[in-house]
N, C-alpha and C. Protein backbone atom coordinates (compact mmCIF):
# COMPACT_ATOMS: atom_id res chain seq x y z
N GLY A 1 -14.35 7.92 -14.57
CA GLY A 1 -14.62 9.29 -14.92
C GLY A 1 -13.59 9.86 -15.87
N TYR A 2 -12.32 9.45 -15.73
CA TYR A 2 -11.26 10.00 -16.57
C TYR A 2 -11.45 9.58 -18.02
N ALA A 3 -12.10 8.43 -18.25
CA ALA A 3 -12.33 7.95 -19.61
C ALA A 3 -13.15 8.95 -20.42
N VAL A 4 -14.07 9.66 -19.78
CA VAL A 4 -14.88 10.66 -20.47
C VAL A 4 -13.97 11.75 -21.04
N SER A 5 -12.99 12.17 -20.29
CA SER A 5 -12.05 13.19 -20.76
C SER A 5 -11.29 12.71 -21.99
N ILE A 6 -10.89 11.45 -21.98
CA ILE A 6 -10.14 10.88 -23.09
C ILE A 6 -11.02 10.76 -24.33
N VAL A 7 -12.24 10.28 -24.16
CA VAL A 7 -13.15 10.10 -25.29
C VAL A 7 -13.49 11.45 -25.92
N LYS A 8 -13.79 12.44 -25.09
CA LYS A 8 -14.12 13.77 -25.63
C LYS A 8 -12.92 14.38 -26.35
N ALA A 9 -11.73 14.23 -25.80
CA ALA A 9 -10.53 14.75 -26.46
C ALA A 9 -10.30 14.01 -27.78
N GLY A 10 -10.50 12.71 -27.79
CA GLY A 10 -10.33 11.93 -29.01
C GLY A 10 -11.30 12.36 -30.10
N ALA A 11 -12.54 12.60 -29.71
CA ALA A 11 -13.54 13.08 -30.68
C ALA A 11 -13.13 14.44 -31.23
N ARG A 12 -12.68 15.33 -30.36
CA ARG A 12 -12.26 16.67 -30.79
C ARG A 12 -11.06 16.57 -31.74
N ILE A 13 -10.11 15.70 -31.42
CA ILE A 13 -8.94 15.51 -32.27
C ILE A 13 -9.36 14.97 -33.64
N ALA A 14 -10.40 14.14 -33.66
CA ALA A 14 -10.90 13.57 -34.92
C ALA A 14 -11.79 14.55 -35.68
N GLY A 15 -12.05 15.73 -35.10
CA GLY A 15 -12.83 16.75 -35.80
C GLY A 15 -14.26 16.89 -35.34
N ILE A 16 -14.63 16.23 -34.25
CA ILE A 16 -15.98 16.32 -33.71
C ILE A 16 -15.91 17.00 -32.35
N ASP A 17 -16.39 18.25 -32.29
CA ASP A 17 -16.31 18.99 -31.02
C ASP A 17 -17.49 18.63 -30.14
N CYS A 18 -17.21 18.00 -29.01
CA CYS A 18 -18.24 17.60 -28.05
C CYS A 18 -18.30 18.55 -26.86
N GLY A 19 -17.47 19.57 -26.87
CA GLY A 19 -17.44 20.50 -25.75
C GLY A 19 -16.59 19.95 -24.61
N PRO A 20 -16.44 20.75 -23.58
CA PRO A 20 -15.61 20.33 -22.44
C PRO A 20 -16.35 19.33 -21.54
N VAL A 21 -15.59 18.67 -20.69
CA VAL A 21 -16.21 17.78 -19.71
C VAL A 21 -16.84 18.62 -18.61
N ARG A 22 -17.80 18.03 -17.92
CA ARG A 22 -18.45 18.74 -16.82
C ARG A 22 -17.69 18.52 -15.52
N SER A 23 -17.78 19.50 -14.66
CA SER A 23 -17.17 19.44 -13.33
C SER A 23 -17.74 18.24 -12.58
N PRO A 24 -16.98 17.54 -11.82
CA PRO A 24 -15.63 17.81 -11.33
C PRO A 24 -14.53 17.26 -12.24
N LEU A 25 -14.89 16.70 -13.41
CA LEU A 25 -13.87 16.17 -14.31
C LEU A 25 -13.07 17.30 -14.94
N LEU A 26 -11.90 16.98 -15.42
CA LEU A 26 -11.02 17.96 -16.06
C LEU A 26 -10.69 17.49 -17.47
N ASP A 27 -10.55 18.45 -18.40
CA ASP A 27 -10.09 18.12 -19.75
C ASP A 27 -8.64 17.64 -19.66
N LEU A 28 -8.18 16.95 -20.71
CA LEU A 28 -6.80 16.50 -20.74
C LEU A 28 -5.85 17.70 -20.76
N THR A 29 -4.68 17.51 -20.22
CA THR A 29 -3.64 18.54 -20.31
C THR A 29 -3.12 18.54 -21.75
N ALA A 30 -2.38 19.57 -22.11
CA ALA A 30 -1.80 19.66 -23.46
C ALA A 30 -0.89 18.46 -23.72
N ASP A 31 -0.12 18.05 -22.72
CA ASP A 31 0.79 16.91 -22.88
C ASP A 31 0.00 15.62 -23.09
N GLU A 32 -1.05 15.42 -22.31
CA GLU A 32 -1.88 14.22 -22.45
C GLU A 32 -2.54 14.20 -23.83
N GLU A 33 -2.97 15.37 -24.30
CA GLU A 33 -3.59 15.44 -25.62
C GLU A 33 -2.58 15.10 -26.72
N ARG A 34 -1.34 15.57 -26.59
CA ARG A 34 -0.29 15.22 -27.56
C ARG A 34 -0.06 13.71 -27.57
N GLN A 35 -0.07 13.10 -26.40
CA GLN A 35 0.11 11.64 -26.32
C GLN A 35 -1.04 10.92 -27.00
N LEU A 36 -2.25 11.44 -26.83
CA LEU A 36 -3.42 10.83 -27.45
C LEU A 36 -3.35 10.96 -28.97
N VAL A 37 -2.92 12.11 -29.47
CA VAL A 37 -2.75 12.30 -30.92
C VAL A 37 -1.75 11.27 -31.45
N ALA A 38 -0.64 11.10 -30.77
CA ALA A 38 0.38 10.14 -31.20
C ALA A 38 -0.20 8.72 -31.23
N LEU A 39 -0.96 8.36 -30.22
CA LEU A 39 -1.57 7.03 -30.16
C LEU A 39 -2.58 6.85 -31.29
N MET A 40 -3.38 7.88 -31.54
CA MET A 40 -4.36 7.79 -32.62
C MET A 40 -3.68 7.65 -33.97
N GLN A 41 -2.55 8.31 -34.16
CA GLN A 41 -1.81 8.20 -35.42
C GLN A 41 -1.22 6.81 -35.58
N VAL A 42 -0.71 6.23 -34.51
CA VAL A 42 -0.17 4.86 -34.56
C VAL A 42 -1.28 3.88 -34.93
N CYS A 43 -2.48 4.13 -34.41
CA CYS A 43 -3.63 3.25 -34.68
C CYS A 43 -4.31 3.59 -36.00
N LYS A 44 -3.77 4.58 -36.72
CA LYS A 44 -4.30 5.02 -38.00
C LYS A 44 -5.74 5.53 -37.89
N MET A 45 -6.04 6.20 -36.79
CA MET A 45 -7.34 6.82 -36.60
C MET A 45 -7.29 8.23 -37.18
N PRO A 46 -8.43 8.75 -37.62
CA PRO A 46 -8.43 10.09 -38.21
C PRO A 46 -8.05 11.17 -37.20
N VAL A 47 -7.19 12.06 -37.64
CA VAL A 47 -6.78 13.20 -36.81
C VAL A 47 -7.03 14.44 -37.65
N ALA A 48 -7.92 15.32 -37.17
CA ALA A 48 -8.26 16.54 -37.91
C ALA A 48 -7.09 17.52 -37.87
N GLU A 49 -7.03 18.36 -38.88
CA GLU A 49 -6.04 19.44 -38.89
C GLU A 49 -6.42 20.41 -37.79
N MET A 50 -5.51 20.66 -36.87
CA MET A 50 -5.80 21.55 -35.75
C MET A 50 -4.96 22.80 -35.89
N ALA A 51 -5.62 23.95 -35.82
CA ALA A 51 -4.91 25.23 -35.96
C ALA A 51 -4.25 25.63 -34.68
């Protein structure tokens, strides 16, 4: 179930908004999302400009 949160956050970071996960799942925390951005950058995956 947690993989859904990671995939949706990754899509959002790449510029594709898939909306939040459904209950009982939780979206990633801000810290987890920062870690995912760092991982995506290391892997040279697209990271959208986030305001």
